[in-house]
Amino acid sequence: MIKLLIDCDTGVDDSIALLFALHRKDVEVMGISTSIGNVTAAQAADNTMRVLKLAGKEGQVPVCVGAEKPMVGTCEDFPDFIHGKNGLGEIELPESSQKPVDMDVCDFLYEKACEADGEAVLVTLGRMTNIAHTLQKYPDFPAKIKRVVSMGGTVNGPGNVAPMVEANIGGDPEAADLVLMAPWQVTMVGLDVTLKTVMHMEDVKMARGYCREECRPVLDFMMQELQHYMKGARMQNWMRECCPLHDPLAMIVAVDPSVVLTQKRITRVETGGTYCRGMFVTDLREQPIEGRFVEHCMQVDERKALNELFAVFN
């Protein structure tokens, strides 16, 4: 059984990633924490609990509200044109009776990691603020985690909030640099592969046609929220009736690393500058800058990834 500890800012693609993990039979989701990003951390928690209800897991997975601001500075406007004002493409899922756990997010993450006895895979789908704060409060946190898989960054490709900056890393560069410098195994699933993994509306319609009867409401929800999300992809990426597979691909990599090819590089995050704040700086020189090796996804088997995503609903 793969034990996942998830940190997210539940927008449209986060919700699809969560639904994949919650329907995968070899996965146990131990807990979910939320932070500011696509929406507020509180809204992300509410969205998460609604998604849990949709998946038939209401009250079975604890949810904790985390950071409402980055480590430095303030949060910029939310990307409503991509995720909608409510984060779920303006689709109103039924309200959940579940309530967030009343804990400090650092204590929550550390406690769940200890419960997993070193077997937890930490998956981050948003800014790394909660993780950075947990590292500061619990320096031995990395020893409690099996590995980290994060959606964020770009190595060779263009960014989506600045020329070479991806939104999750650019939203809190200080947190990301702290996390990448911690003594654990980190795999970054960045724009180099997520922009190459494209989901078309026809893929979702086809999946709805052959999914299990109990999964039909899930695919109906995905089709509805993706209408808004794909409109955002048209505006941002010039895509038509399709979208990149950002957070779902990271979740797929967390359970099946074989869908990507990776390269390890000494990596730091630029925390200054006008155009490059939040940029990954990787050093391939024989005598590199001070940093730690980070595993970056460089190539992806797009078809295999999409097949794995929709197979959980068969």
C-alpha atoms as a PDB file:
ATOM      1  CA  MET A   1       0.000   0.000   0.000  1.00  0.00           C
ATOM      2  CA  ILE A   2       1.328   3.426  -1.009  1.00  0.00           C
ATOM      3  CA  LYS A   3       0.838   5.934   1.807  1.00  0.00           C
ATOM      4  CA  LEU A   4       0.355   9.514   0.623  1.00  0.00           C
ATOM      5  CA  LEU A   5       0.489  12.732   2.623  1.00  0.00           C
ATOM      6  CA  ILE A   6      -0.812  15.506   0.367  1.00  0.00           C
ATOM      7  CA  ASP A   7      -0.374  19.279   0.525  1.00  0.00           C
ATOM      8  CA  CYS A   8      -2.447  21.242  -1.995  1.00  0.00           C
ATOM      9  CA  ASP A   9      -4.318  24.443  -2.876  1.00  0.00           C
ATOM     10  CA  THR A  10      -7.364  22.684  -4.249  1.00  0.00           C
ATOM     11  CA  GLY A  11      -8.242  24.115  -7.617  1.00  0.00           C
ATOM     12  CA  VAL A  12      -9.449  22.251 -10.693  1.00  0.00           C
ATOM     13  CA  ASP A  13      -6.337  20.184 -11.419  1.00  0.00           C
ATOM     14  CA  ASP A  14      -5.760  19.519  -7.689  1.00  0.00           C
ATOM     15  CA  SER A  15      -9.275  18.088  -7.487  1.00  0.00           C
ATOM     16  CA  ILE A  16      -8.577  15.701 -10.365  1.00  0.00           C
ATOM     17  CA  ALA A  17      -5.300  14.641  -8.737  1.00  0.00           C
ATOM     18  CA  LEU A  18      -7.127  13.989  -5.460  1.00  0.00           C
ATOM     19  CA  LEU A  19      -9.880  12.006  -7.171  1.00  0.00           C
ATOM     20  CA  PHE A  20      -7.235   9.852  -8.864  1.00  0.00           C
ATOM     21  CA  ALA A  21      -5.478   9.114  -5.561  1.00  0.00           C
ATOM     22  CA  LEU A  22      -8.748   8.483  -3.690  1.00  0.00           C
ATOM     23  CA  HIS A  23      -9.911   5.929  -6.288  1.00  0.00           C
ATOM     24  CA  ARG A  24      -6.590   4.113  -6.643  1.00  0.00           C
ATOM     25  CA  LYS A  25      -6.867   0.801  -4.785  1.00  0.00           C
ATOM     26  CA  ASP A  26      -3.180   0.594  -3.825  1.00  0.00           C
ATOM     27  CA  VAL A  27      -3.141   4.081  -2.266  1.00  0.00           C
ATOM     28  CA  GLU A  28      -3.937   5.212   1.259  1.00  0.00           C
ATOM     29  CA  VAL A  29      -4.345   8.979   1.628  1.00  0.00           C
ATOM     30  CA  MET A  30      -3.286   9.615   5.226  1.00  0.00           C
ATOM     31  CA  GLY A  31      -4.033  13.306   5.382  1.00  0.00           C
ATOM     32  CA  ILE A  32      -4.380  16.480   3.331  1.00  0.00           C
ATOM     33  CA  SER A  33      -3.155  19.961   4.232  1.00  0.00           C
ATOM     34  CA  THR A  34      -3.988  23.122   2.308  1.00  0.00           C
ATOM     35  CA  SER A  35      -2.312  26.442   1.611  1.00  0.00           C
ATOM     36  CA  ILE A  36      -2.988  29.639  -0.249  1.00  0.00           C
ATOM     37  CA  GLY A  37      -2.469  29.523  -4.012  1.00  0.00           C
ATOM     38  CA  ASN A  38      -5.345  28.923  -6.409  1.00  0.00           C
ATOM     39  CA  VAL A  39      -7.679  30.064  -3.605  1.00  0.00           C
ATOM     40  CA  THR A  40      -7.301  30.753   0.111  1.00  0.00           C
ATOM     41  CA  ALA A  41      -6.156  27.883   2.312  1.00  0.00           C
ATOM     42  CA  ALA A  42      -9.585  27.855   3.968  1.00  0.00           C
ATOM     43  CA  GLN A  43     -11.386  27.671   0.609  1.00  0.00           C
ATOM     44  CA  ALA A  44      -8.960  24.949  -0.515  1.00  0.00           C
ATOM     45  CA  ALA A  45      -9.842  22.920   2.587  1.00  0.00           C
ATOM     46  CA  ASP A  46     -13.568  23.356   1.930  1.00  0.00           C
ATOM     47  CA  ASN A  47     -13.054  22.282  -1.693  1.00  0.00           C
ATOM     48  CA  THR A  48     -11.025  19.292  -0.544  1.00  0.00           C
ATOM     49  CA  MET A  49     -13.738  18.084   1.822  1.00  0.00           C
ATOM     50  CA  ARG A  50     -16.358  18.444  -0.935  1.00  0.00           C
ATOM     51  CA  VAL A  51     -14.122  16.358  -3.217  1.00  0.00           C
ATOM     52  CA  LEU A  52     -13.771  13.750  -0.469  1.00  0.00           C
ATOM     53  CA  LYS A  53     -17.561  13.565  -0.247  1.00  0.00           C
ATOM     54  CA  LEU A  54     -17.830  13.155  -4.023  1.00  0.00           C
ATOM     55  CA  ALA A  55     -15.313  10.285  -3.817  1.00  0.00           C
ATOM     56  CA  GLY A  56     -17.274   8.573  -1.053  1.00  0.00           C
ATOM     57  CA  LYS A  57     -14.548   9.343   1.503  1.00  0.00           C
ATOM     58  CA  GLU A  58     -16.302  11.993   3.601  1.00  0.00           C
ATOM     59  CA  GLY A  59     -14.826  12.038   7.099  1.00  0.00           C
ATOM     60  CA  GLN A  60     -12.304   9.305   6.269  1.00  0.00           C
ATOM     61  CA  VAL A  61      -9.313  11.525   5.440  1.00  0.00           C
ATOM     62  CA  PRO A  62      -8.372  14.370   7.826  1.00  0.00           C
ATOM     63  CA  VAL A  63      -7.949  17.835   6.297  1.00  0.00           C
ATOM     64  CA  CYS A  64      -5.938  20.651   7.904  1.00  0.00           C
ATOM     65  CA  VAL A  65      -5.928  24.339   6.944  1.00  0.00           C
ATOM     66  CA  GLY A  66      -2.426  25.760   6.565  1.00  0.00           C
ATOM     67  CA  ALA A  67      -0.660  28.932   5.479  1.00  0.00           C
ATOM     68  CA  GLU A  68      -2.706  31.867   4.208  1.00  0.00           C
ATOM     69  CA  LYS A  69       0.347  33.825   3.088  1.00  0.00           C
ATOM     70  CA  PRO A  70       3.836  33.090   1.710  1.00  0.00           C
ATOM     71  CA  MET A  71       6.923  33.176   3.925  1.00  0.00           C
ATOM     72  CA  VAL A  72       7.893  36.573   2.491  1.00  0.00           C
ATOM     73  CA  GLY A  73       5.578  39.265   1.155  1.00  0.00           C
ATOM     74  CA  THR A  74       1.907  38.972   0.326  1.00  0.00           C
ATOM     75  CA  CYS A  75      -0.213  36.860  -1.993  1.00  0.00           C
ATOM     76  CA  GLU A  76      -1.055  38.188  -5.437  1.00  0.00           C
ATOM     77  CA  ASP A  77      -4.493  37.915  -7.029  1.00  0.00           C
ATOM     78  CA  PHE A  78      -5.923  34.434  -7.428  1.00  0.00           C
ATOM     79  CA  PRO A  79      -5.963  32.922 -10.955  1.00  0.00           C
ATOM     80  CA  ASP A  80      -9.768  33.085 -11.295  1.00  0.00           C
ATOM     81  CA  PHE A  81      -9.607  32.865 -15.084  1.00  0.00           C
ATOM     82  CA  ILE A  82      -8.156  29.358 -14.721  1.00  0.00           C
ATOM     83  CA  HIS A  83      -9.810  27.912 -11.605  1.00  0.00           C
ATOM     84  CA  GLY A  84     -12.796  30.183 -11.089  1.00  0.00           C
ATOM     85  CA  LYS A  85     -13.535  32.196  -7.961  1.00  0.00           C
ATOM     86  CA  ASN A  86     -14.359  29.078  -5.931  1.00  0.00           C
ATOM     87  CA  GLY A  87     -11.385  27.102  -7.281  1.00  0.00           C
ATOM     88  CA  LEU A  88     -13.537  24.380  -8.843  1.00  0.00           C
ATOM     89  CA  GLY A  89     -14.384  26.051 -12.135  1.00  0.00           C
ATOM     90  CA  GLU A  90     -17.455  27.670 -10.540  1.00  0.00           C
ATOM     91  CA  ILE A  91     -19.044  24.220 -10.071  1.00  0.00           C
ATOM     92  CA  GLU A  92     -20.737  23.918  -6.679  1.00  0.00           C
ATOM     93  CA  LEU A  93     -20.231  20.461  -5.228  1.00  0.00           C
ATOM     94  CA  PRO A  94     -22.528  19.518  -2.315  1.00  0.00           C
ATOM     95  CA  GLU A  95     -21.296  20.837   1.022  1.00  0.00           C
ATOM     96  CA  SER A  96     -19.528  18.346   3.271  1.00  0.00           C
ATOM     97  CA  SER A  97     -20.411  17.787   6.917  1.00  0.00           C
ATOM     98  CA  GLN A  98     -16.722  17.152   7.593  1.00  0.00           C
ATOM     99  CA  LYS A  99     -14.770  19.864   9.414  1.00  0.00           C
ATOM    100  CA  PRO A 100     -11.029  20.594   9.240  1.00  0.00           C
ATOM    101  CA  VAL A 101      -8.964  19.247  12.109  1.00  0.00           C
ATOM    102  CA  ASP A 102      -8.177  21.868  14.739  1.00  0.00           C
ATOM    103  CA  MET A 103      -4.382  21.625  14.606  1.00  0.00           C
ATOM    104  CA  ASP A 104      -1.396  23.676  13.600  1.00  0.00           C
ATOM    105  CA  VAL A 105      -0.527  22.479  10.097  1.00  0.00           C
ATOM    106  CA  CYS A 106       3.093  21.758  11.048  1.00  0.00           C
ATOM    107  CA  ASP A 107       1.993  19.516  13.919  1.00  0.00           C
ATOM    108  CA  PHE A 108      -0.512  17.823  11.597  1.00  0.00           C
ATOM    109  CA  LEU A 109       2.039  17.033   8.895  1.00  0.00           C
ATOM    110  CA  TYR A 110       4.649  15.861  11.378  1.00  0.00           C
ATOM    111  CA  GLU A 111       2.175  13.679  13.280  1.00  0.00           C
ATOM    112  CA  LYS A 112       0.935  12.012  10.091  1.00  0.00           C
ATOM    113  CA  ALA A 113       4.495  11.418   8.899  1.00  0.00           C
ATOM    114  CA  CYS A 114       5.342   9.756  12.210  1.00  0.00           C
ATOM    115  CA  GLU A 115       2.243   7.549  11.969  1.00  0.00           C
ATOM    116  CA  ALA A 116       3.466   6.266   8.594  1.00  0.00           C
ATOM    117  CA  ASP A 117       6.727   5.101  10.184  1.00  0.00           C
ATOM    118  CA  GLY A 118       8.938   6.351   7.346  1.00  0.00           C
ATOM    119  CA  GLU A 119       6.682   5.073   4.557  1.00  0.00           C
ATOM    120  CA  ALA A 120       4.828   8.281   3.673  1.00  0.00           C
ATOM    121  CA  VAL A 121       5.281   9.816   0.234  1.00  0.00           C
ATOM    122  CA  LEU A 122       4.776  13.568   0.570  1.00  0.00           C
ATOM    123  CA  VAL A 123       3.021  15.026  -2.484  1.00  0.00           C
ATOM    124  CA  THR A 124       2.891  18.804  -2.864  1.00  0.00           C
ATOM    125  CA  LEU A 125       0.561  20.278  -5.477  1.00  0.00           C
ATOM    126  CA  GLY A 126       0.846  23.953  -4.557  1.00  0.00           C
ATOM    127  CA  ARG A 127       3.248  26.311  -2.862  1.00  0.00           C
ATOM    128  CA  MET A 128       5.666  24.717  -0.425  1.00  0.00           C
ATOM    129  CA  THR A 129       4.886  27.111   2.435  1.00  0.00           C
ATOM    130  CA  ASN A 130       3.415  24.515   4.803  1.00  0.00           C
ATOM    131  CA  ILE A 131       6.318  22.161   4.198  1.00  0.00           C
ATOM    132  CA  ALA A 132       8.921  24.865   4.800  1.00  0.00           C
ATOM    133  CA  HIS A 133       7.294  25.888   8.091  1.00  0.00           C
ATOM    134  CA  THR A 134       7.187  22.235   9.165  1.00  0.00           C
ATOM    135  CA  LEU A 135      10.907  21.872   8.413  1.00  0.00           C
ATOM    136  CA  GLN A 136      11.627  24.894  10.573  1.00  0.00           C
ATOM    137  CA  LYS A 137       9.551  23.577  13.463  1.00  0.00           C
ATOM    138  CA  TYR A 138      10.631  19.932  13.115  1.00  0.00           C
ATOM    139  CA  PRO A 139      14.180  19.657  11.707  1.00  0.00           C
ATOM    140  CA  ASP A 140      13.902  15.847  11.683  1.00  0.00           C
ATOM    141  CA  PHE A 141      10.821  15.937   9.431  1.00  0.00           C
ATOM    142  CA  PRO A 142      12.802  14.685   6.366  1.00  0.00           C
ATOM    143  CA  ALA A 143      13.765  11.521   8.253  1.00  0.00           C
ATOM    144  CA  LYS A 144      10.073  10.720   8.641  1.00  0.00           C
ATOM    145  CA  ILE A 145       9.335  10.955   4.894  1.00  0.00           C
ATOM    146  CA  LYS A 146      10.113   8.279   2.311  1.00  0.00           C
ATOM    147  CA  ARG A 147      10.322  10.733  -0.593  1.00  0.00           C
ATOM    148  CA  VAL A 148       8.823  13.985  -1.854  1.00  0.00           C
ATOM    149  CA  VAL A 149       7.051  14.465  -5.193  1.00  0.00           C
ATOM    150  CA  SER A 150       6.168  18.059  -6.071  1.00  0.00           C
ATOM    151  CA  MET A 151       4.387  19.744  -8.938  1.00  0.00           C
ATOM    152  CA  GLY A 152       6.350  22.862  -9.711  1.00  0.00           C
ATOM    153  CA  GLY A 153       9.117  24.625 -11.539  1.00  0.00           C
ATOM    154  CA  THR A 154      10.631  24.342 -14.973  1.00  0.00           C
ATOM    155  CA  VAL A 155      14.193  23.536 -16.052  1.00  0.00           C
ATOM    156  CA  ASN A 156      14.349  23.962 -19.833  1.00  0.00           C
ATOM    157  CA  GLY A 157      10.871  25.191 -20.712  1.00  0.00           C
ATOM    158  CA  PRO A 158       9.078  28.514 -20.321  1.00  0.00           C
ATOM    159  CA  GLY A 159       7.348  29.502 -17.118  1.00  0.00           C
ATOM    160  CA  ASN A 160       3.684  30.378 -16.664  1.00  0.00           C
ATOM    161  CA  VAL A 161       3.912  33.423 -14.380  1.00  0.00           C
ATOM    162  CA  ALA A 162       7.270  34.804 -15.587  1.00  0.00           C
ATOM    163  CA  PRO A 163       9.705  33.898 -18.408  1.00  0.00           C
ATOM    164  CA  MET A 164      11.257  30.973 -16.495  1.00  0.00           C
ATOM    165  CA  VAL A 165       9.047  30.816 -13.394  1.00  0.00           C
ATOM    166  CA  GLU A 166       6.227  28.381 -12.596  1.00  0.00           C
ATOM    167  CA  ALA A 167       3.373  29.507 -10.328  1.00  0.00           C
ATOM    168  CA  ASN A 168       3.858  27.158  -7.348  1.00  0.00           C
ATOM    169  CA  ILE A 169       7.554  27.999  -6.997  1.00  0.00           C
ATOM    170  CA  GLY A 170       7.088  31.666  -7.887  1.00  0.00           C
ATOM    171  CA  GLY A 171       4.344  32.002  -5.276  1.00  0.00           C
ATOM    172  CA  ASP A 172       6.802  31.317  -2.435  1.00  0.00           C
ATOM    173  CA  PRO A 173      10.425  31.035  -3.633  1.00  0.00           C
ATOM    174  CA  GLU A 174      11.865  31.162  -0.106  1.00  0.00           C
ATOM    175  CA  ALA A 175       9.792  28.168   0.942  1.00  0.00           C
ATOM    176  CA  ALA A 176      10.724  26.210  -2.189  1.00  0.00           C
ATOM    177  CA  ASP A 177      14.446  26.844  -1.724  1.00  0.00           C
ATOM    178  CA  LEU A 178      14.252  25.712   1.900  1.00  0.00           C
ATOM    179  CA  VAL A 179      12.429  22.521   0.909  1.00  0.00           C
ATOM    180  CA  LEU A 180      14.888  21.696  -1.883  1.00  0.00           C
ATOM    181  CA  MET A 181      17.816  22.174   0.487  1.00  0.00           C
ATOM    182  CA  ALA A 182      16.416  19.729   3.062  1.00  0.00           C
ATOM    183  CA  PRO A 183      18.021  16.251   3.320  1.00  0.00           C
ATOM    184  CA  TRP A 184      15.424  14.150   1.517  1.00  0.00           C
ATOM    185  CA  GLN A 185      14.753  12.763  -1.963  1.00  0.00           C
ATOM    186  CA  VAL A 186      12.786  15.283  -4.036  1.00  0.00           C
ATOM    187  CA  THR A 187      11.272  14.699  -7.475  1.00  0.00           C
ATOM    188  CA  MET A 188      10.041  17.826  -9.257  1.00  0.00           C
ATOM    189  CA  VAL A 189       7.261  17.334 -11.784  1.00  0.00           C
ATOM    190  CA  GLY A 190       7.514  20.627 -13.615  1.00  0.00           C
ATOM    191  CA  LEU A 191       6.280  22.345 -16.751  1.00  0.00           C
ATOM    192  CA  ASP A 192       8.905  20.453 -18.790  1.00  0.00           C
ATOM    193  CA  VAL A 193       6.564  17.442 -18.627  1.00  0.00           C
ATOM    194  CA  THR A 194       3.158  18.755 -17.525  1.00  0.00           C
ATOM    195  CA  LEU A 195       2.804  20.980 -20.594  1.00  0.00           C
ATOM    196  CA  LYS A 196       3.558  17.943 -22.768  1.00  0.00           C
ATOM    197  CA  THR A 197       0.861  15.854 -21.080  1.00  0.00           C
ATOM    198  CA  VAL A 198      -2.348  17.158 -22.610  1.00  0.00           C
ATOM    199  CA  MET A 199      -5.836  16.024 -21.636  1.00  0.00           C
ATOM    200  CA  HIS A 200      -8.608  16.615 -24.174  1.00  0.00           C
ATOM    201  CA  MET A 201     -12.285  16.893 -23.337  1.00  0.00           C
ATOM    202  CA  GLU A 202     -12.810  13.884 -25.585  1.00  0.00           C
ATOM    203  CA  ASP A 203     -10.593  11.854 -23.201  1.00  0.00           C
ATOM    204  CA  VAL A 204     -12.924  12.660 -20.316  1.00  0.00           C
ATOM    205  CA  LYS A 205     -16.059  11.957 -22.362  1.00  0.00           C
ATOM    206  CA  MET A 206     -14.641   8.597 -23.424  1.00  0.00           C
ATOM    207  CA  ALA A 207     -13.729   7.734 -19.819  1.00  0.00           C
ATOM    208  CA  ARG A 208     -17.268   8.602 -18.727  1.00  0.00           C
ATOM    209  CA  GLY A 209     -18.600   6.216 -21.344  1.00  0.00           C
ATOM    210  CA  TYR A 210     -16.890   3.151 -19.887  1.00  0.00           C
ATOM    211  CA  CYS A 211     -16.396   4.045 -16.202  1.00  0.00           C
ATOM    212  CA  ARG A 212     -17.977   2.126 -13.323  1.00  0.00           C
ATOM    213  CA  GLU A 213     -21.498   3.296 -12.568  1.00  0.00           C
ATOM    214  CA  GLU A 214     -20.506   4.657  -9.151  1.00  0.00           C
ATOM    215  CA  CYS A 215     -17.779   6.757 -10.772  1.00  0.00           C
ATOM    216  CA  ARG A 216     -20.094   8.478 -13.231  1.00  0.00           C
ATOM    217  CA  PRO A 217     -20.772  11.478 -10.919  1.00  0.00           C
ATOM    218  CA  VAL A 218     -16.997  11.963 -10.625  1.00  0.00           C
ATOM    219  CA  LEU A 219     -16.519  12.079 -14.402  1.00  0.00           C
ATOM    220  CA  ASP A 220     -19.574  14.342 -14.752  1.00  0.00           C
ATOM    221  CA  PHE A 221     -17.999  16.751 -12.257  1.00  0.00           C
ATOM    222  CA  MET A 222     -14.663  16.658 -14.067  1.00  0.00           C
ATOM    223  CA  MET A 223     -16.327  17.455 -17.397  1.00  0.00           C
ATOM    224  CA  GLN A 224     -18.128  20.427 -15.840  1.00  0.00           C
ATOM    225  CA  GLU A 225     -15.165  21.980 -14.024  1.00  0.00           C
ATOM    226  CA  LEU A 226     -12.873  21.410 -17.000  1.00  0.00           C
ATOM    227  CA  GLN A 227     -15.014  23.656 -19.184  1.00  0.00           C
ATOM    228  CA  HIS A 228     -13.811  26.674 -17.193  1.00  0.00           C
ATOM    229  CA  TYR A 229     -10.282  25.294 -16.811  1.00  0.00           C
ATOM    230  CA  MET A 230      -9.905  24.641 -20.533  1.00  0.00           C
ATOM    231  CA  LYS A 231     -11.106  28.166 -21.271  1.00  0.00           C
ATOM    232  CA  GLY A 232      -8.217  29.330 -19.079  1.00  0.00           C
ATOM    233  CA  ALA A 233      -5.859  27.050 -21.008  1.00  0.00           C
ATOM    234  CA  ARG A 234      -7.005  28.723 -24.232  1.00  0.00           C
ATOM    235  CA  MET A 235      -6.147  32.098 -22.775  1.00  0.00           C
ATOM    236  CA  GLN A 236      -2.822  31.050 -21.246  1.00  0.00           C
ATOM    237  CA  ASN A 237      -1.510  28.297 -23.524  1.00  0.00           C
ATOM    238  CA  TRP A 238      -3.500  28.753 -26.764  1.00  0.00           C
ATOM    239  CA  MET A 239      -5.038  25.314 -26.268  1.00  0.00           C
ATOM    240  CA  ARG A 240      -8.441  24.307 -27.685  1.00  0.00           C
ATOM    241  CA  GLU A 241     -10.732  21.916 -25.793  1.00  0.00           C
ATOM    242  CA  CYS A 242      -7.756  20.589 -23.855  1.00  0.00           C
ATOM    243  CA  CYS A 243      -5.449  21.468 -20.967  1.00  0.00           C
ATOM    244  CA  PRO A 244      -2.059  20.581 -19.446  1.00  0.00           C
ATOM    245  CA  LEU A 245      -2.027  17.856 -16.818  1.00  0.00           C
ATOM    246  CA  HIS A 246      -0.198  19.643 -13.998  1.00  0.00           C
ATOM    247  CA  ASP A 247      -1.179  18.304 -10.560  1.00  0.00           C
ATOM    248  CA  PRO A 248      -2.628  14.977 -11.779  1.00  0.00           C
ATOM    249  CA  LEU A 249       0.697  14.121 -13.426  1.00  0.00           C
ATOM    250  CA  ALA A 250       2.550  14.762 -10.159  1.00  0.00           C
ATOM    251  CA  MET A 251       0.136  12.445  -8.367  1.00  0.00           C
ATOM    252  CA  ILE A 252       0.613   9.783 -11.033  1.00  0.00           C
ATOM    253  CA  VAL A 253       4.415  10.065 -10.694  1.00  0.00           C
ATOM    254  CA  ALA A 254       4.048   9.638  -6.926  1.00  0.00           C
ATOM    255  CA  VAL A 255       2.498   6.193  -7.432  1.00  0.00           C
ATOM    256  CA  ASP A 256       4.224   5.200 -10.693  1.00  0.00           C
ATOM    257  CA  PRO A 257       7.571   6.909 -11.386  1.00  0.00           C
ATOM    258  CA  SER A 258       7.963   4.878 -14.599  1.00  0.00           C
ATOM    259  CA  VAL A 259       5.832   7.369 -16.564  1.00  0.00           C
ATOM    260  CA  VAL A 260       8.726   9.862 -16.588  1.00  0.00           C
ATOM    261  CA  LEU A 261      12.452  10.024 -17.239  1.00  0.00           C
ATOM    262  CA  THR A 262      14.391  12.158 -14.783  1.00  0.00           C
ATOM    263  CA  GLN A 263      17.717  13.882 -14.359  1.00  0.00           C
ATOM    264  CA  LYS A 264      19.374  14.831 -11.080  1.00  0.00           C
ATOM    265  CA  ARG A 265      20.852  18.311 -10.860  1.00  0.00           C
ATOM    266  CA  ILE A 266      22.189  20.563  -8.143  1.00  0.00           C
ATOM    267  CA  THR A 267      19.267  22.954  -7.755  1.00  0.00           C
ATOM    268  CA  ARG A 268      18.516  26.230  -5.995  1.00  0.00           C
ATOM    269  CA  VAL A 269      15.609  28.644  -6.276  1.00  0.00           C
ATOM    270  CA  GLU A 270      16.283  32.278  -7.173  1.00  0.00           C
ATOM    271  CA  THR A 271      14.763  34.447  -4.449  1.00  0.00           C
ATOM    272  CA  GLY A 272      15.620  37.841  -5.934  1.00  0.00           C
ATOM    273  CA  GLY A 273      15.273  39.728  -9.187  1.00  0.00           C
ATOM    274  CA  THR A 274      12.458  41.229 -11.211  1.00  0.00           C
ATOM    275  CA  TYR A 275      11.970  38.579 -13.891  1.00  0.00           C
ATOM    276  CA  CYS A 276      13.642  35.529 -12.336  1.00  0.00           C
ATOM    277  CA  ARG A 277      12.357  35.416  -8.744  1.00  0.00           C
ATOM    278  CA  GLY A 278      11.175  31.818  -8.344  1.00  0.00           C
ATOM    279  CA  MET A 279      13.319  30.416 -11.161  1.00  0.00           C
ATOM    280  CA  PHE A 280      15.082  27.074 -10.786  1.00  0.00           C
ATOM    281  CA  VAL A 281      18.850  27.501 -11.023  1.00  0.00           C
ATOM    282  CA  THR A 282      20.511  24.184 -11.854  1.00  0.00           C
ATOM    283  CA  ASP A 283      24.283  23.823 -12.066  1.00  0.00           C
ATOM    284  CA  LEU A 284      25.915  21.135 -14.226  1.00  0.00           C
ATOM    285  CA  ARG A 285      29.477  22.356 -13.688  1.00  0.00           C
ATOM    286  CA  GLU A 286      32.172  20.183 -12.159  1.00  0.00           C
ATOM    287  CA  GLN A 287      32.336  22.587  -9.203  1.00  0.00           C
ATOM    288  CA  PRO A 288      28.706  23.651  -8.755  1.00  0.00           C
ATOM    289  CA  ILE A 289      27.079  26.151  -6.439  1.00  0.00           C
ATOM    290  CA  GLU A 290      26.092  25.073  -2.942  1.00  0.00           C
ATOM    291  CA  GLY A 291      22.938  23.014  -3.171  1.00  0.00           C
ATOM    292  CA  ARG A 292      21.450  19.538  -3.152  1.00  0.00           C
ATOM    293  CA  PHE A 293      20.669  17.133  -5.964  1.00  0.00           C
ATOM    294  CA  VAL A 294      17.038  17.314  -7.030  1.00  0.00           C
ATOM    295  CA  GLU A 295      15.414  14.886  -9.456  1.00  0.00           C
ATOM    296  CA  HIS A 296      13.728  16.749 -12.322  1.00  0.00           C
ATOM    297  CA  CYS A 297      11.260  15.110 -14.699  1.00  0.00           C
ATOM    298  CA  MET A 298      12.518  15.762 -18.222  1.00  0.00           C
ATOM    299  CA  GLN A 299      10.472  13.398 -20.426  1.00  0.00           C
ATOM    300  CA  VAL A 300       7.042  11.824 -20.037  1.00  0.00           C
ATOM    301  CA  ASP A 301       5.060   8.965 -21.552  1.00  0.00           C
ATOM    302  CA  GLU A 302       1.940  11.065 -22.140  1.00  0.00           C
ATOM    303  CA  ARG A 303      -0.324   8.235 -23.245  1.00  0.00           C
ATOM    304  CA  LYS A 304       0.639   5.978 -20.333  1.00  0.00           C
ATOM    305  CA  ALA A 305       0.014   8.802 -17.868  1.00  0.00           C
ATOM    306  CA  LEU A 306      -3.467   9.502 -19.260  1.00  0.00           C
ATOM    307  CA  ASN A 307      -4.299   5.813 -19.306  1.00  0.00           C
ATOM    308  CA  GLU A 308      -3.296   5.489 -15.638  1.00  0.00           C
ATOM    309  CA  LEU A 309      -5.388   8.517 -14.712  1.00  0.00           C
ATOM    310  CA  PHE A 310      -8.607   7.193 -16.212  1.00  0.00           C
ATOM    311  CA  ALA A 311      -7.990   3.511 -15.382  1.00  0.00           C
ATOM    312  CA  VAL A 312      -8.906   4.112 -11.727  1.00  0.00           C
ATOM    313  CA  PHE A 313     -12.497   4.836 -12.767  1.00  0.00           C
ATOM    314  CA  ASN A 314     -12.907   1.640 -14.859  1.00  0.00           C
END
